[in-house]
Amino acid sequence: MKNNEKVRLLVKYALLIAMTTVMTMVIRIPTIATNGYLNLGDMVVFVAALLLGKKGGLIVGGLGSSFADILAGYTHYAPITLIVKGLEGYIAGAILETRVGKRVPLLATVIGGIWMALGYYLAEIFMYGAKAAIVGIPGNLMQGLFGAVTSIIFFKALKQSRINI
């Protein structure tokens, strides 16, 4: 890989991490039972997986989302978010690299979103108990599914625009 290609890749990572952080922080809908919030950052995590594959999804999802938690005062969630959102991007990216994922990219992003809801549920069982944790599942599923659908729409529009990405 040439130096200019390395710089272009580094810039893509930096921009997508920053976009994930911003989209996570712009609209925050608090979830009372789990002391967390719903956001739009998943869309960018999935776009990163679509553009950069599983490694990009992992890095952008983990770092961008956990930076948002730190900046928004949800530091208790940052380590969990680093793992859950990183794996969300990795899972979507890994599926996108398969024949099925290439044919039906929405399936890959939906599975990533389902993992995100499950991952937060598992972590929140230990933080708040099973009853409080289960209350967060519908909101997290909605957030993940919204991110899954909007990322595919955005990615297709980006490809049709013929912008060199």
N, C-alpha and C. Protein backbone atom coordinates (compact mmCIF):
# COMPACT_ATOMS: atom_id res chain seq x y z
N MET A 1 0.86 -1.18 0.00
CA MET A 1 0.00 0.00 0.00
C MET A 1 0.90 1.24 0.00
N LYS A 2 0.63 2.15 -0.93
CA LYS A 2 1.42 3.38 -1.03
C LYS A 2 1.05 4.34 0.08
N ASN A 3 1.94 5.31 0.32
CA ASN A 3 1.70 6.28 1.40
C ASN A 3 0.41 7.05 1.20
N ASN A 4 0.13 7.49 -0.04
CA ASN A 4 -1.10 8.26 -0.26
C ASN A 4 -2.34 7.40 -0.03
N GLU A 5 -2.27 6.09 -0.31
CA GLU A 5 -3.39 5.20 -0.02
C GLU A 5 -3.58 5.02 1.48
N LYS A 6 -2.46 4.96 2.22
CA LYS A 6 -2.53 4.85 3.68
C LYS A 6 -3.16 6.09 4.28
N VAL A 7 -2.79 7.24 3.75
CA VAL A 7 -3.34 8.51 4.25
C VAL A 7 -4.83 8.58 3.95
N ARG A 8 -5.24 8.19 2.73
CA ARG A 8 -6.66 8.20 2.37
C ARG A 8 -7.46 7.28 3.30
N LEU A 9 -6.91 6.10 3.59
CA LEU A 9 -7.59 5.16 4.49
C LEU A 9 -7.68 5.73 5.91
N LEU A 10 -6.62 6.33 6.38
CA LEU A 10 -6.62 6.93 7.71
C LEU A 10 -7.64 8.06 7.80
N VAL A 11 -7.76 8.85 6.74
CA VAL A 11 -8.74 9.94 6.71
C VAL A 11 -10.16 9.36 6.73
N LYS A 12 -10.40 8.27 5.99
CA LYS A 12 -11.72 7.64 6.01
C LYS A 12 -12.07 7.17 7.42
N TYR A 13 -11.11 6.52 8.07
CA TYR A 13 -11.35 6.08 9.45
C TYR A 13 -11.67 7.26 10.35
N ALA A 14 -10.86 8.29 10.26
CA ALA A 14 -11.05 9.46 11.13
C ALA A 14 -12.40 10.12 10.89
N LEU A 15 -12.77 10.29 9.63
CA LEU A 15 -14.06 10.91 9.32
C LEU A 15 -15.23 10.06 9.80
N LEU A 16 -15.16 8.76 9.59
CA LEU A 16 -16.25 7.89 10.01
C LEU A 16 -16.34 7.78 11.53
N ILE A 17 -15.20 7.79 12.21
CA ILE A 17 -15.22 7.79 13.69
C ILE A 17 -15.87 9.08 14.18
N ALA A 18 -15.46 10.21 13.59
CA ALA A 18 -16.04 11.50 13.99
C ALA A 18 -17.53 11.55 13.67
N MET A 19 -17.92 11.05 12.51
CA MET A 19 -19.35 11.05 12.14
C MET A 19 -20.16 10.16 13.08
N THR A 20 -19.59 9.03 13.47
CA THR A 20 -20.29 8.15 14.41
C THR A 20 -20.48 8.87 15.73
N THR A 21 -19.44 9.53 16.21
CA THR A 21 -19.53 10.27 17.47
C THR A 21 -20.61 11.34 17.38
N VAL A 22 -20.60 12.12 16.32
CA VAL A 22 -21.57 13.21 16.16
C VAL A 22 -22.99 12.67 16.01
N MET A 23 -23.18 11.66 15.17
CA MET A 23 -24.53 11.12 14.96
C MET A 23 -25.06 10.45 16.23
N THR A 24 -24.16 9.97 17.05
CA THR A 24 -24.58 9.39 18.33
C THR A 24 -25.02 10.47 19.29
N MET A 25 -24.40 11.63 19.20
CA MET A 25 -24.67 12.71 20.16
C MET A 25 -25.75 13.69 19.71
N VAL A 26 -26.00 13.80 18.41
CA VAL A 26 -26.93 14.82 17.90
C VAL A 26 -28.34 14.60 18.43
N ILE A 27 -28.85 13.41 18.25
CA ILE A 27 -30.19 13.08 18.76
C ILE A 27 -30.03 11.97 19.78
N ARG A 28 -30.30 12.29 21.03
CA ARG A 28 -30.21 11.30 22.11
C ARG A 28 -31.56 11.22 22.78
N ILE A 29 -32.14 10.04 22.75
CA ILE A 29 -33.42 9.81 23.40
C ILE A 29 -33.13 8.97 24.65
N PRO A 30 -33.24 9.56 25.84
CA PRO A 30 -32.89 8.82 27.06
C PRO A 30 -33.79 7.61 27.28
N THR A 31 -33.18 6.55 27.81
CA THR A 31 -33.93 5.37 28.24
C THR A 31 -33.83 5.32 29.76
N ILE A 32 -34.93 5.57 30.41
CA ILE A 32 -34.97 5.71 31.86
C ILE A 32 -34.53 4.45 32.58
N ALA A 33 -35.03 3.30 32.17
CA ALA A 33 -34.77 2.06 32.92
C ALA A 33 -33.30 1.69 32.97
N THR A 34 -32.55 1.99 31.88
CA THR A 34 -31.16 1.56 31.82
C THR A 34 -30.16 2.71 31.90
N ASN A 35 -30.65 3.92 32.08
CA ASN A 35 -29.77 5.09 32.18
C ASN A 35 -28.89 5.25 30.94
N GLY A 36 -29.39 4.85 29.78
CA GLY A 36 -28.67 5.00 28.52
C GLY A 36 -29.45 5.91 27.60
N TYR A 37 -29.21 5.77 26.29
CA TYR A 37 -29.96 6.58 25.33
C TYR A 37 -29.95 5.92 23.96
N LEU A 38 -30.95 6.25 23.17
CA LEU A 38 -31.05 5.79 21.79
C LEU A 38 -30.47 6.87 20.89
N ASN A 39 -29.87 6.47 19.74
CA ASN A 39 -29.20 7.45 18.88
C ASN A 39 -29.16 6.98 17.44
N LEU A 40 -28.52 7.77 16.58
CA LEU A 40 -28.44 7.48 15.15
C LEU A 40 -27.05 7.01 14.71
N GLY A 41 -26.18 6.74 15.65
CA GLY A 41 -24.80 6.37 15.32
C GLY A 41 -24.66 5.04 14.60
N ASP A 42 -25.60 4.13 14.78
CA ASP A 42 -25.51 2.82 14.14
C ASP A 42 -25.48 2.93 12.62
N MET A 43 -26.15 3.93 12.09
CA MET A 43 -26.14 4.12 10.64
C MET A 43 -24.71 4.28 10.13
N VAL A 44 -23.91 5.08 10.81
CA VAL A 44 -22.54 5.31 10.37
C VAL A 44 -21.67 4.07 10.61
N VAL A 45 -21.92 3.36 11.69
CA VAL A 45 -21.19 2.12 11.95
C VAL A 45 -21.39 1.15 10.79
N PHE A 46 -22.63 1.03 10.32
CA PHE A 46 -22.92 0.14 9.21
C PHE A 46 -22.35 0.66 7.89
N VAL A 47 -22.35 1.96 7.70
CA VAL A 47 -21.72 2.54 6.50
C VAL A 47 -20.23 2.22 6.51
N ALA A 48 -19.60 2.30 7.67
CA ALA A 48 -18.18 1.95 7.78
C ALA A 48 -17.95 0.49 7.41
N ALA A 49 -18.84 -0.39 7.86
CA ALA A 49 -18.73 -1.81 7.51
C ALA A 49 -18.91 -2.00 6.00
N LEU A 50 -19.83 -1.26 5.42
CA LEU A 50 -20.07 -1.35 3.97
C LEU A 50 -18.87 -0.84 3.18
N LEU A 51 -18.26 0.24 3.65
CA LEU A 51 -17.13 0.85 2.94
C LEU A 51 -15.80 0.17 3.22
N LEU A 52 -15.56 -0.20 4.48
CA LEU A 52 -14.24 -0.63 4.91
C LEU A 52 -14.17 -2.07 5.39
N GLY A 53 -15.29 -2.78 5.38
CA GLY A 53 -15.28 -4.17 5.79
C GLY A 53 -15.33 -4.35 7.30
N LYS A 54 -15.05 -5.58 7.72
CA LYS A 54 -15.20 -5.91 9.14
C LYS A 54 -14.22 -5.15 10.04
N LYS A 55 -13.01 -4.94 9.58
CA LYS A 55 -12.04 -4.19 10.38
C LYS A 55 -12.50 -2.75 10.56
N GLY A 56 -12.99 -2.14 9.48
CA GLY A 56 -13.50 -0.77 9.56
C GLY A 56 -14.71 -0.68 10.46
N GLY A 57 -15.63 -1.63 10.34
CA GLY A 57 -16.80 -1.65 11.20
C GLY A 57 -16.42 -1.77 12.66
N LEU A 58 -15.44 -2.62 12.95
CA LEU A 58 -14.97 -2.82 14.33
C LEU A 58 -14.37 -1.54 14.90
N ILE A 59 -13.47 -0.94 14.18
CA ILE A 59 -12.76 0.25 14.69
C ILE A 59 -13.70 1.44 14.78
N VAL A 60 -14.44 1.71 13.73
CA VAL A 60 -15.34 2.86 13.71
C VAL A 60 -16.46 2.69 14.74
N GLY A 61 -17.06 1.50 14.76
CA GLY A 61 -18.14 1.25 15.71
C GLY A 61 -17.68 1.37 17.15
N GLY A 62 -16.57 0.74 17.47
CA GLY A 62 -16.08 0.77 18.84
C GLY A 62 -15.62 2.14 19.29
N LEU A 63 -14.74 2.75 18.52
CA LEU A 63 -14.17 4.04 18.93
C LEU A 63 -15.17 5.19 18.83
N GLY A 64 -15.83 5.32 17.69
CA GLY A 64 -16.76 6.44 17.51
C GLY A 64 -17.88 6.44 18.53
N SER A 65 -18.43 5.27 18.78
CA SER A 65 -19.55 5.18 19.73
C SER A 65 -19.11 5.38 21.17
N SER A 66 -17.95 4.81 21.53
CA SER A 66 -17.49 4.99 22.91
C SER A 66 -17.00 6.42 23.16
N PHE A 67 -16.45 7.08 22.15
CA PHE A 67 -16.10 8.50 22.30
C PHE A 67 -17.35 9.31 22.62
N ALA A 68 -18.45 8.99 21.93
CA ALA A 68 -19.70 9.70 22.19
C ALA A 68 -20.16 9.49 23.63
N ASP A 69 -20.06 8.27 24.12
CA ASP A 69 -20.44 8.00 25.51
C ASP A 69 -19.60 8.84 26.47
N ILE A 70 -18.31 8.91 26.22
CA ILE A 70 -17.42 9.68 27.10
C ILE A 70 -17.77 11.16 27.04
N LEU A 71 -17.94 11.70 25.84
CA LEU A 71 -18.22 13.12 25.68
C LEU A 71 -19.61 13.51 26.20
N ALA A 72 -20.55 12.57 26.16
CA ALA A 72 -21.92 12.86 26.58
C ALA A 72 -22.15 12.58 28.07
N GLY A 73 -21.12 12.14 28.77
CA GLY A 73 -21.26 11.90 30.20
C GLY A 73 -21.76 10.51 30.56
N TYR A 74 -21.72 9.59 29.62
CA TYR A 74 -22.12 8.21 29.87
C TYR A 74 -20.88 7.32 29.97
N THR A 75 -19.91 7.76 30.74
CA THR A 75 -18.63 7.05 30.81
C THR A 75 -18.78 5.62 31.32
N HIS A 76 -19.81 5.37 32.12
CA HIS A 76 -20.02 4.01 32.61
C HIS A 76 -20.36 3.04 31.47
N TYR A 77 -20.82 3.56 30.34
CA TYR A 77 -21.15 2.73 29.19
C TYR A 77 -19.98 2.60 28.20
N ALA A 78 -18.98 3.45 28.28
CA ALA A 78 -17.92 3.49 27.26
C ALA A 78 -17.23 2.14 27.04
N PRO A 79 -16.82 1.42 28.08
CA PRO A 79 -16.17 0.13 27.82
C PRO A 79 -17.11 -0.89 27.18
N ILE A 80 -18.37 -0.88 27.62
CA ILE A 80 -19.36 -1.79 27.05
C ILE A 80 -19.61 -1.43 25.60
N THR A 81 -19.76 -0.14 25.33
CA THR A 81 -20.00 0.34 23.97
C THR A 81 -18.84 0.01 23.05
N LEU A 82 -17.62 0.15 23.55
CA LEU A 82 -16.44 -0.18 22.75
C LEU A 82 -16.55 -1.61 22.22
N ILE A 83 -16.96 -2.52 23.08
CA ILE A 83 -17.07 -3.93 22.70
C ILE A 83 -18.33 -4.19 21.87
N VAL A 84 -19.49 -3.75 22.37
CA VAL A 84 -20.76 -4.06 21.70
C VAL A 84 -20.82 -3.42 20.32
N LYS A 85 -20.53 -2.14 20.22
CA LYS A 85 -20.63 -1.46 18.92
C LYS A 85 -19.50 -1.87 17.99
N GLY A 86 -18.32 -2.15 18.56
CA GLY A 86 -17.24 -2.66 17.73
C GLY A 86 -17.62 -3.99 17.09
N LEU A 87 -18.18 -4.89 17.90
CA LEU A 87 -18.63 -6.18 17.37
C LEU A 87 -19.81 -6.04 16.42
N GLU A 88 -20.66 -5.05 16.66
CA GLU A 88 -21.77 -4.78 15.73
C GLU A 88 -21.22 -4.50 14.33
N GLY A 89 -20.24 -3.61 14.25
CA GLY A 89 -19.63 -3.29 12.96
C GLY A 89 -18.87 -4.46 12.37
N TYR A 90 -18.18 -5.21 13.22
CA TYR A 90 -17.42 -6.37 12.76
C TYR A 90 -18.34 -7.44 12.20
N ILE A 91 -19.40 -7.75 12.93
CA ILE A 91 -20.36 -8.77 12.50
C ILE A 91 -20.99 -8.39 11.15
N ALA A 92 -21.45 -7.15 11.05
CA ALA A 92 -22.04 -6.70 9.78
C ALA A 92 -21.00 -6.78 8.66
N GLY A 93 -19.79 -6.32 8.92
CA GLY A 93 -18.75 -6.35 7.90
C GLY A 93 -18.37 -7.76 7.49
N ALA A 94 -18.30 -8.67 8.46
CA ALA A 94 -17.96 -10.06 8.15
C ALA A 94 -19.04 -10.70 7.28
N ILE A 95 -20.29 -10.43 7.59
CA ILE A 95 -21.39 -10.99 6.79
C ILE A 95 -21.41 -10.35 5.41
N LEU A 96 -21.09 -9.06 5.34
CA LEU A 96 -21.06 -8.37 4.05
C LEU A 96 -19.99 -8.94 3.12
N GLU A 97 -18.99 -9.60 3.67
CA GLU A 97 -17.93 -10.19 2.86
C GLU A 97 -18.33 -11.55 2.28
N THR A 98 -19.46 -12.09 2.73
CA THR A 98 -19.92 -13.38 2.20
C THR A 98 -20.76 -13.15 0.95
N ARG A 99 -21.05 -14.24 0.24
CA ARG A 99 -21.86 -14.15 -0.96
C ARG A 99 -23.27 -13.65 -0.63
N VAL A 100 -23.83 -14.16 0.46
CA VAL A 100 -25.17 -13.74 0.89
C VAL A 100 -25.17 -12.26 1.27
N GLY A 101 -24.16 -11.83 2.01
CA GLY A 101 -24.06 -10.43 2.42
C GLY A 101 -23.93 -9.48 1.25
N LYS A 102 -23.22 -9.91 0.23
CA LYS A 102 -23.08 -9.07 -0.97
C LYS A 102 -24.40 -8.96 -1.74
N ARG A 103 -25.16 -10.05 -1.73
CA ARG A 103 -26.46 -10.04 -2.43
C ARG A 103 -27.52 -9.31 -1.63
N VAL A 104 -27.51 -9.49 -0.30
CA VAL A 104 -28.55 -8.91 0.57
C VAL A 104 -27.86 -8.17 1.72
N PRO A 105 -27.30 -6.99 1.45
CA PRO A 105 -26.57 -6.28 2.51
C PRO A 105 -27.44 -5.90 3.71
N LEU A 106 -28.74 -5.74 3.48
CA LEU A 106 -29.62 -5.41 4.59
C LEU A 106 -29.61 -6.52 5.65
N LEU A 107 -29.50 -7.75 5.22
CA LEU A 107 -29.44 -8.87 6.17
C LEU A 107 -28.23 -8.72 7.10
N ALA A 108 -27.10 -8.35 6.55
CA ALA A 108 -25.88 -8.18 7.35
C ALA A 108 -26.05 -7.07 8.39
N THR A 109 -26.62 -5.95 7.97
CA THR A 109 -26.76 -4.83 8.91
C THR A 109 -27.84 -5.12 9.96
N VAL A 110 -28.89 -5.82 9.57
CA VAL A 110 -29.93 -6.19 10.54
C VAL A 110 -29.36 -7.13 11.59
N ILE A 111 -28.57 -8.11 11.17
CA ILE A 111 -27.96 -9.02 12.14
C ILE A 111 -27.02 -8.25 13.07
N GLY A 112 -26.27 -7.30 12.53
CA GLY A 112 -25.43 -6.45 13.37
C GLY A 112 -26.25 -5.69 14.40
N GLY A 113 -27.39 -5.16 13.97
CA GLY A 113 -28.27 -4.42 14.88
C GLY A 113 -28.88 -5.31 15.95
N ILE A 114 -29.21 -6.53 15.58
CA ILE A 114 -29.74 -7.48 16.57
C ILE A 114 -28.66 -7.81 17.60
N TRP A 115 -27.42 -8.00 17.12
CA TRP A 115 -26.33 -8.25 18.07
C TRP A 115 -26.20 -7.09 19.05
N MET A 116 -26.28 -5.85 18.54
CA MET A 116 -26.14 -4.68 19.40
C MET A 116 -27.17 -4.72 20.53
N ALA A 117 -28.42 -4.99 20.20
CA ALA A 117 -29.46 -5.06 21.23
C ALA A 117 -29.18 -6.18 22.22
N LEU A 118 -28.74 -7.32 21.73
CA LEU A 118 -28.42 -8.44 22.61
C LEU A 118 -27.20 -8.13 23.48
N GLY A 119 -26.19 -7.52 22.88
CA GLY A 119 -24.98 -7.18 23.63
C GLY A 119 -25.25 -6.22 24.78
N TYR A 120 -26.03 -5.18 24.52
CA TYR A 120 -26.38 -4.25 25.60
C TYR A 120 -27.26 -4.94 26.64
N TYR A 121 -28.16 -5.79 26.21
CA TYR A 121 -29.00 -6.52 27.15
C TYR A 121 -28.15 -7.35 28.10
N LEU A 122 -27.19 -8.09 27.57
CA LEU A 122 -26.33 -8.92 28.41
C LEU A 122 -25.53 -8.08 29.41
N ALA A 123 -25.00 -6.96 28.96
CA ALA A 123 -24.24 -6.09 29.86
C ALA A 123 -25.14 -5.47 30.92
N GLU A 124 -26.33 -5.05 30.52
CA GLU A 124 -27.23 -4.36 31.45
C GLU A 124 -27.85 -5.31 32.48
N ILE A 125 -27.86 -6.61 32.20
CA ILE A 125 -28.30 -7.56 33.23
C ILE A 125 -27.42 -7.41 34.46
N PHE A 126 -26.11 -7.29 34.23
CA PHE A 126 -25.17 -7.16 35.35
C PHE A 126 -25.21 -5.77 35.98
N MET A 127 -25.58 -4.78 35.19
CA MET A 127 -25.61 -3.40 35.70
C MET A 127 -26.89 -3.09 36.46
N TYR A 128 -28.04 -3.54 35.91
CA TYR A 128 -29.33 -3.10 36.45
C TYR A 128 -30.28 -4.23 36.82
N GLY A 129 -29.91 -5.44 36.49
CA GLY A 129 -30.81 -6.58 36.72
C GLY A 129 -31.58 -6.92 35.45
N ALA A 130 -32.10 -8.14 35.42
CA ALA A 130 -32.75 -8.65 34.20
C ALA A 130 -34.00 -7.88 33.83
N LYS A 131 -34.81 -7.48 34.83
CA LYS A 131 -36.06 -6.77 34.51
C LYS A 131 -35.79 -5.42 33.86
N ALA A 132 -34.86 -4.67 34.41
CA ALA A 132 -34.54 -3.36 33.83
C ALA A 132 -33.87 -3.53 32.47
N ALA A 133 -33.02 -4.53 32.34
CA ALA A 133 -32.30 -4.75 31.08
C ALA A 133 -33.25 -5.10 29.94
N ILE A 134 -34.26 -5.88 30.24
CA ILE A 134 -35.19 -6.30 29.18
C ILE A 134 -36.00 -5.12 28.63
N VAL A 135 -36.17 -4.10 29.45
CA VAL A 135 -36.90 -2.91 29.02
C VAL A 135 -36.15 -2.19 27.89
N GLY A 136 -34.83 -2.30 27.86
CA GLY A 136 -34.03 -1.63 26.83
C GLY A 136 -34.03 -2.32 25.48
N ILE A 137 -34.46 -3.58 25.43
CA ILE A 137 -34.38 -4.35 24.17
C ILE A 137 -35.18 -3.72 23.04
N PRO A 138 -36.46 -3.37 23.23
CA PRO A 138 -37.21 -2.82 22.09
C PRO A 138 -36.58 -1.55 21.51
N GLY A 139 -36.15 -0.64 22.36
CA GLY A 139 -35.53 0.59 21.87
C GLY A 139 -34.23 0.32 21.14
N ASN A 140 -33.41 -0.57 21.69
CA ASN A 140 -32.15 -0.91 21.02
C ASN A 140 -32.39 -1.62 19.70
N LEU A 141 -33.40 -2.48 19.65
CA LEU A 141 -33.74 -3.13 18.38
C LEU A 141 -34.20 -2.11 17.35
N MET A 142 -35.04 -1.17 17.77
CA MET A 142 -35.51 -0.12 16.85
C MET A 142 -34.32 0.69 16.34
N GLN A 143 -33.42 1.05 17.24
CA GLN A 143 -32.24 1.83 16.87
C GLN A 143 -31.39 1.05 15.87
N GLY A 144 -31.14 -0.23 16.16
CA GLY A 144 -30.33 -1.05 15.27
C GLY A 144 -30.97 -1.26 13.91
N LEU A 145 -32.28 -1.50 13.89
CA LEU A 145 -32.97 -1.71 12.62
C LEU A 145 -33.05 -0.42 11.81
N PHE A 146 -33.28 0.70 12.49
CA PHE A 146 -33.29 1.98 11.80
C PHE A 146 -31.91 2.25 11.18
N GLY A 147 -30.86 2.01 11.95
CA GLY A 147 -29.50 2.18 11.44
C GLY A 147 -29.21 1.25 10.27
N ALA A 148 -29.72 0.01 10.35
CA ALA A 148 -29.51 -0.96 9.28
C ALA A 148 -30.13 -0.49 7.97
N VAL A 149 -31.38 -0.05 8.03
CA VAL A 149 -32.10 0.38 6.82
C VAL A 149 -31.51 1.68 6.27
N THR A 150 -31.31 2.66 7.13
CA THR A 150 -30.82 3.96 6.64
C THR A 150 -29.40 3.87 6.10
N SER A 151 -28.58 2.98 6.64
CA SER A 151 -27.22 2.83 6.13
C SER A 151 -27.22 2.29 4.71
N ILE A 152 -28.11 1.36 4.42
CA ILE A 152 -28.20 0.80 3.07
C ILE A 152 -28.67 1.87 2.10
N ILE A 153 -29.67 2.63 2.49
CA ILE A 153 -30.18 3.71 1.64
C ILE A 153 -29.08 4.75 1.39
N PHE A 154 -28.40 5.17 2.44
CA PHE A 154 -27.32 6.16 2.32
C PHE A 154 -26.19 5.63 1.45
N PHE A 155 -25.80 4.38 1.67
CA PHE A 155 -24.70 3.78 0.92
C PHE A 155 -25.04 3.70 -0.57
N LYS A 156 -26.25 3.29 -0.90
CA LYS A 156 -26.66 3.22 -2.31
C LYS A 156 -26.66 4.60 -2.95
N ALA A 157 -27.13 5.60 -2.21
CA ALA A 157 -27.12 6.97 -2.73
C ALA A 157 -25.69 7.45 -2.93
N LEU A 158 -24.82 7.10 -2.02
CA LEU A 158 -23.41 7.48 -2.12
C LEU A 158 -22.77 6.84 -3.35
N LYS A 159 -23.06 5.58 -3.59
CA LYS A 159 -22.52 4.88 -4.76
C LYS A 159 -23.06 5.49 -6.06
N GLN A 160 -24.33 5.85 -6.09
CA GLN A 160 -24.92 6.43 -7.29
C GLN A 160 -24.41 7.83 -7.57
N SER A 161 -23.94 8.50 -6.54
CA SER A 161 -23.44 9.86 -6.72
C SER A 161 -22.10 9.89 -7.43
N ARG A 162 -21.46 8.74 -7.53
CA ARG A 162 -20.16 8.58 -8.18
C ARG A 162 -19.05 9.37 -7.51
N ILE A 163 -19.24 9.65 -6.22
CA ILE A 163 -18.17 10.27 -5.45
C ILE A 163 -17.14 9.21 -5.17
N ASN A 164 -15.87 9.54 -5.34
CA ASN A 164 -14.80 8.59 -5.11
C ASN A 164 -14.63 8.35 -3.61
N ILE A 165 -15.13 7.21 -3.15
CA ILE A 165 -15.07 6.91 -1.72
C ILE A 165 -14.05 5.86 -1.37
